[in-house]
């Protein structure tokens, strides 16, 4: 795979973005296959897990926490709600917002999703020491921070 992305120009360097993109696509395929029995798409599990560990939460707070736009969040929550994993309740403090909670079915599926994600993570960590993995995650956090922080004027 590395050879496929190499430029004939010896002065150019490989782009980490190519690898991040390929890793993302391959992980989405694996995650989709793992979660198919539960009718949870690769685009919804992150919302399910975030709600599981921080409920109640508003859609707005969920979007901000996950760094995902409000429209994508709304679509994912609608799908999880349709599958019976999530429910919305009016926020008693502010009726303009809804609080998100897991349903009983949602609470039952969370451990299964965690197991599926652990299988995918185990596959991604094959041949990588804990120290190397920690360094990889640390470096990716820096890249993300560099891309998401506001430009100073």
C-alpha atoms as a PDB file:
ATOM      1  CA  UNK A   1       0.000   0.000   0.000  1.00  0.00           C
ATOM      2  CA  UNK A   2       2.834   2.408   0.788  1.00  0.00           C
ATOM      3  CA  UNK A   3       4.285   2.028  -2.710  1.00  0.00           C
ATOM      4  CA  UNK A   4       0.923   2.964  -4.210  1.00  0.00           C
ATOM      5  CA  UNK A   5       1.156   6.426  -2.648  1.00  0.00           C
ATOM      6  CA  UNK A   6       4.787   7.148  -3.315  1.00  0.00           C
ATOM      7  CA  UNK A   7       5.540   9.906  -5.671  1.00  0.00           C
ATOM      8  CA  UNK A   8       8.181   9.464  -8.353  1.00  0.00           C
ATOM      9  CA  UNK A   9       9.525  12.805  -7.162  1.00  0.00           C
ATOM     10  CA  UNK A  10      12.145  11.889  -4.569  1.00  0.00           C
ATOM     11  CA  UNK A  11      11.983  15.379  -3.018  1.00  0.00           C
ATOM     12  CA  UNK A  12       8.356  15.000  -1.970  1.00  0.00           C
ATOM     13  CA  UNK A  13       7.341  13.381   1.292  1.00  0.00           C
ATOM     14  CA  UNK A  14       4.466  11.090   2.034  1.00  0.00           C
ATOM     15  CA  UNK A  15       1.366  12.751   3.394  1.00  0.00           C
ATOM     16  CA  UNK A  16      -0.017  11.665   6.746  1.00  0.00           C
ATOM     17  CA  UNK A  17      -3.416  12.742   5.423  1.00  0.00           C
ATOM     18  CA  UNK A  18      -3.409   9.886   2.905  1.00  0.00           C
ATOM     19  CA  UNK A  19      -2.909   7.372   5.684  1.00  0.00           C
ATOM     20  CA  UNK A  20      -5.443   8.978   8.014  1.00  0.00           C
ATOM     21  CA  UNK A  21      -8.010   8.898   5.213  1.00  0.00           C
ATOM     22  CA  UNK A  22      -7.297   5.262   4.316  1.00  0.00           C
ATOM     23  CA  UNK A  23      -7.334   4.202   7.971  1.00  0.00           C
ATOM     24  CA  UNK A  24     -10.661   5.972   8.473  1.00  0.00           C
ATOM     25  CA  UNK A  25     -12.238   4.273   5.447  1.00  0.00           C
ATOM     26  CA  UNK A  26     -11.011   0.806   6.430  1.00  0.00           C
ATOM     27  CA  UNK A  27     -12.100   1.253  10.036  1.00  0.00           C
ATOM     28  CA  UNK A  28     -15.555   2.411   8.918  1.00  0.00           C
ATOM     29  CA  UNK A  29     -15.924  -0.753   6.823  1.00  0.00           C
ATOM     30  CA  UNK A  30     -14.877  -2.984   9.748  1.00  0.00           C
ATOM     31  CA  UNK A  31     -17.060  -1.128  12.237  1.00  0.00           C
ATOM     32  CA  UNK A  32     -20.067  -1.254   9.894  1.00  0.00           C
ATOM     33  CA  UNK A  33     -19.686  -5.010   9.551  1.00  0.00           C
ATOM     34  CA  UNK A  34     -19.310  -5.480  13.320  1.00  0.00           C
ATOM     35  CA  UNK A  35     -22.348  -3.330  14.142  1.00  0.00           C
ATOM     36  CA  UNK A  36     -24.640  -4.522  11.335  1.00  0.00           C
ATOM     37  CA  UNK A  37     -26.424  -7.069  13.585  1.00  0.00           C
ATOM     38  CA  UNK A  38     -27.547  -4.180  15.812  1.00  0.00           C
ATOM     39  CA  UNK A  39     -28.616  -1.901  12.932  1.00  0.00           C
ATOM     40  CA  UNK A  40     -26.130   0.731  14.051  1.00  0.00           C
ATOM     41  CA  UNK A  41     -24.129   2.358  11.303  1.00  0.00           C
ATOM     42  CA  UNK A  42     -20.508   3.398  11.530  1.00  0.00           C
ATOM     43  CA  UNK A  43     -21.781   6.972  11.665  1.00  0.00           C
ATOM     44  CA  UNK A  44     -24.024   6.423  14.678  1.00  0.00           C
ATOM     45  CA  UNK A  45     -22.015   4.424  17.201  1.00  0.00           C
ATOM     46  CA  UNK A  46     -19.971   7.417  18.354  1.00  0.00           C
ATOM     47  CA  UNK A  47     -23.189   9.229  19.313  1.00  0.00           C
ATOM     48  CA  UNK A  48     -24.596   6.181  21.093  1.00  0.00           C
ATOM     49  CA  UNK A  49     -21.425   5.766  23.145  1.00  0.00           C
ATOM     50  CA  UNK A  50     -21.183   9.472  23.994  1.00  0.00           C
ATOM     51  CA  UNK A  51     -24.782   9.489  25.233  1.00  0.00           C
ATOM     52  CA  UNK A  52     -24.130   6.305  27.225  1.00  0.00           C
ATOM     53  CA  UNK A  53     -21.299   7.948  29.125  1.00  0.00           C
ATOM     54  CA  UNK A  54     -22.773  11.430  29.492  1.00  0.00           C
ATOM     55  CA  UNK A  55     -26.539  11.358  29.763  1.00  0.00           C
ATOM     56  CA  UNK A  56     -28.585  13.402  29.764  1.00  0.00           C
ATOM     57  CA  UNK A  57     -26.988  15.564  27.098  1.00  0.00           C
ATOM     58  CA  UNK A  58     -28.422  17.967  24.546  1.00  0.00           C
ATOM     59  CA  UNK A  59     -27.824  17.514  20.826  1.00  0.00           C
ATOM     60  CA  UNK A  60     -25.950  20.814  20.791  1.00  0.00           C
ATOM     61  CA  UNK A  61     -23.611  19.704  23.595  1.00  0.00           C
ATOM     62  CA  UNK A  62     -23.176  16.337  21.873  1.00  0.00           C
ATOM     63  CA  UNK A  63     -22.171  18.045  18.607  1.00  0.00           C
ATOM     64  CA  UNK A  64     -19.682  20.223  20.436  1.00  0.00           C
ATOM     65  CA  UNK A  65     -18.237  17.324  22.431  1.00  0.00           C
ATOM     66  CA  UNK A  66     -17.719  15.195  19.315  1.00  0.00           C
ATOM     67  CA  UNK A  67     -16.682  18.098  17.050  1.00  0.00           C
ATOM     68  CA  UNK A  68     -19.430  17.126  14.594  1.00  0.00           C
ATOM     69  CA  UNK A  69     -21.832  19.525  12.898  1.00  0.00           C
ATOM     70  CA  UNK A  70     -25.411  19.839  14.156  1.00  0.00           C
ATOM     71  CA  UNK A  71     -26.996  18.430  10.980  1.00  0.00           C
ATOM     72  CA  UNK A  72     -24.951  15.220  11.111  1.00  0.00           C
ATOM     73  CA  UNK A  73     -25.738  14.893  14.810  1.00  0.00           C
ATOM     74  CA  UNK A  74     -29.467  15.342  14.205  1.00  0.00           C
ATOM     75  CA  UNK A  75     -29.485  12.653  11.491  1.00  0.00           C
ATOM     76  CA  UNK A  76     -27.559  10.181  13.653  1.00  0.00           C
ATOM     77  CA  UNK A  77     -29.809  10.779  16.663  1.00  0.00           C
ATOM     78  CA  UNK A  78     -32.923  10.359  14.504  1.00  0.00           C
ATOM     79  CA  UNK A  79     -31.595   6.982  13.302  1.00  0.00           C
ATOM     80  CA  UNK A  80     -30.739   5.841  16.836  1.00  0.00           C
ATOM     81  CA  UNK A  81     -34.154   6.988  18.011  1.00  0.00           C
ATOM     82  CA  UNK A  82     -35.881   5.118  15.162  1.00  0.00           C
ATOM     83  CA  UNK A  83     -33.980   1.965  16.149  1.00  0.00           C
ATOM     84  CA  UNK A  84     -35.180   2.367  19.728  1.00  0.00           C
ATOM     85  CA  UNK A  85     -31.773   3.048  21.275  1.00  0.00           C
ATOM     86  CA  UNK A  86     -32.223   6.715  22.210  1.00  0.00           C
ATOM     87  CA  UNK A  87     -35.098   8.830  23.492  1.00  0.00           C
ATOM     88  CA  UNK A  88     -35.542  12.587  23.680  1.00  0.00           C
ATOM     89  CA  UNK A  89     -37.176  14.505  26.504  1.00  0.00           C
ATOM     90  CA  UNK A  90     -37.847  18.215  26.708  1.00  0.00           C
ATOM     91  CA  UNK A  91     -35.267  19.978  28.852  1.00  0.00           C
ATOM     92  CA  UNK A  92     -37.178  21.135  31.942  1.00  0.00           C
ATOM     93  CA  UNK A  93     -34.838  24.128  32.265  1.00  0.00           C
ATOM     94  CA  UNK A  94     -35.277  25.237  28.633  1.00  0.00           C
ATOM     95  CA  UNK A  95     -38.077  23.801  26.472  1.00  0.00           C
ATOM     96  CA  UNK A  96     -36.217  24.795  23.289  1.00  0.00           C
ATOM     97  CA  UNK A  97     -33.793  21.932  23.877  1.00  0.00           C
ATOM     98  CA  UNK A  98     -34.199  18.190  24.199  1.00  0.00           C
ATOM     99  CA  UNK A  99     -32.166  15.976  26.497  1.00  0.00           C
ATOM    100  CA  UNK A 100     -30.973  12.666  25.093  1.00  0.00           C
ATOM    101  CA  UNK A 101     -31.093   9.431  27.060  1.00  0.00           C
ATOM    102  CA  UNK A 102     -30.514   5.772  26.251  1.00  0.00           C
ATOM    103  CA  UNK A 103     -33.562   3.536  26.274  1.00  0.00           C
ATOM    104  CA  UNK A 104     -33.461   0.120  27.959  1.00  0.00           C
ATOM    105  CA  UNK A 105     -32.638  -1.332  24.535  1.00  0.00           C
ATOM    106  CA  UNK A 106     -29.872   1.232  24.142  1.00  0.00           C
ATOM    107  CA  UNK A 107     -28.380   0.294  27.514  1.00  0.00           C
ATOM    108  CA  UNK A 108     -28.482  -3.380  26.521  1.00  0.00           C
ATOM    109  CA  UNK A 109     -26.677  -2.816  23.221  1.00  0.00           C
ATOM    110  CA  UNK A 110     -23.860  -0.622  24.595  1.00  0.00           C
ATOM    111  CA  UNK A 111     -21.760  -3.553  25.930  1.00  0.00           C
ATOM    112  CA  UNK A 112     -22.141  -5.328  22.576  1.00  0.00           C
ATOM    113  CA  UNK A 113     -21.002  -2.198  20.737  1.00  0.00           C
ATOM    114  CA  UNK A 114     -18.053  -1.867  23.134  1.00  0.00           C
ATOM    115  CA  UNK A 115     -17.036  -5.467  22.396  1.00  0.00           C
ATOM    116  CA  UNK A 116     -17.308  -4.873  18.640  1.00  0.00           C
ATOM    117  CA  UNK A 117     -15.223  -1.711  18.859  1.00  0.00           C
ATOM    118  CA  UNK A 118     -12.644  -3.527  20.993  1.00  0.00           C
ATOM    119  CA  UNK A 119     -12.277  -6.162  18.264  1.00  0.00           C
ATOM    120  CA  UNK A 120     -11.641  -3.458  15.667  1.00  0.00           C
ATOM    121  CA  UNK A 121      -9.206  -1.632  17.953  1.00  0.00           C
ATOM    122  CA  UNK A 122      -7.333  -4.879  18.626  1.00  0.00           C
ATOM    123  CA  UNK A 123      -6.920  -5.376  14.895  1.00  0.00           C
ATOM    124  CA  UNK A 124      -5.598  -1.829  14.454  1.00  0.00           C
ATOM    125  CA  UNK A 125      -3.065  -2.284  17.271  1.00  0.00           C
ATOM    126  CA  UNK A 126      -1.557  -5.492  15.920  1.00  0.00           C
ATOM    127  CA  UNK A 127       2.230  -5.127  15.836  1.00  0.00           C
ATOM    128  CA  UNK A 128       2.191  -1.829  17.766  1.00  0.00           C
ATOM    129  CA  UNK A 129       3.487  -1.582  21.338  1.00  0.00           C
ATOM    130  CA  UNK A 130       1.523   0.304  23.985  1.00  0.00           C
ATOM    131  CA  UNK A 131       4.146   3.054  23.934  1.00  0.00           C
ATOM    132  CA  UNK A 132       3.942   3.375  20.145  1.00  0.00           C
ATOM    133  CA  UNK A 133       0.152   3.453  20.291  1.00  0.00           C
ATOM    134  CA  UNK A 134       0.197   6.147  22.986  1.00  0.00           C
ATOM    135  CA  UNK A 135       2.599   8.205  20.862  1.00  0.00           C
ATOM    136  CA  UNK A 136       0.405   7.751  17.778  1.00  0.00           C
ATOM    137  CA  UNK A 137      -2.695   8.947  19.648  1.00  0.00           C
ATOM    138  CA  UNK A 138      -0.768  11.869  21.137  1.00  0.00           C
ATOM    139  CA  UNK A 139       0.475  12.966  17.718  1.00  0.00           C
ATOM    140  CA  UNK A 140      -2.988  12.649  16.173  1.00  0.00           C
ATOM    141  CA  UNK A 141      -4.392  14.844  18.960  1.00  0.00           C
ATOM    142  CA  UNK A 142      -1.818  17.497  18.101  1.00  0.00           C
ATOM    143  CA  UNK A 143      -2.757  17.335  14.411  1.00  0.00           C
ATOM    144  CA  UNK A 144      -6.450  17.646  15.302  1.00  0.00           C
ATOM    145  CA  UNK A 145      -5.790  20.563  17.637  1.00  0.00           C
ATOM    146  CA  UNK A 146      -3.729  22.276  14.925  1.00  0.00           C
ATOM    147  CA  UNK A 147      -6.602  21.910  12.483  1.00  0.00           C
ATOM    148  CA  UNK A 148      -9.407  22.942  14.824  1.00  0.00           C
ATOM    149  CA  UNK A 149      -7.918  25.812  16.799  1.00  0.00           C
ATOM    150  CA  UNK A 150      -8.891  29.275  15.668  1.00  0.00           C
ATOM    151  CA  UNK A 151      -6.299  31.252  13.783  1.00  0.00           C
ATOM    152  CA  UNK A 152      -4.840  33.976  15.962  1.00  0.00           C
ATOM    153  CA  UNK A 153      -5.112  37.415  14.381  1.00  0.00           C
END
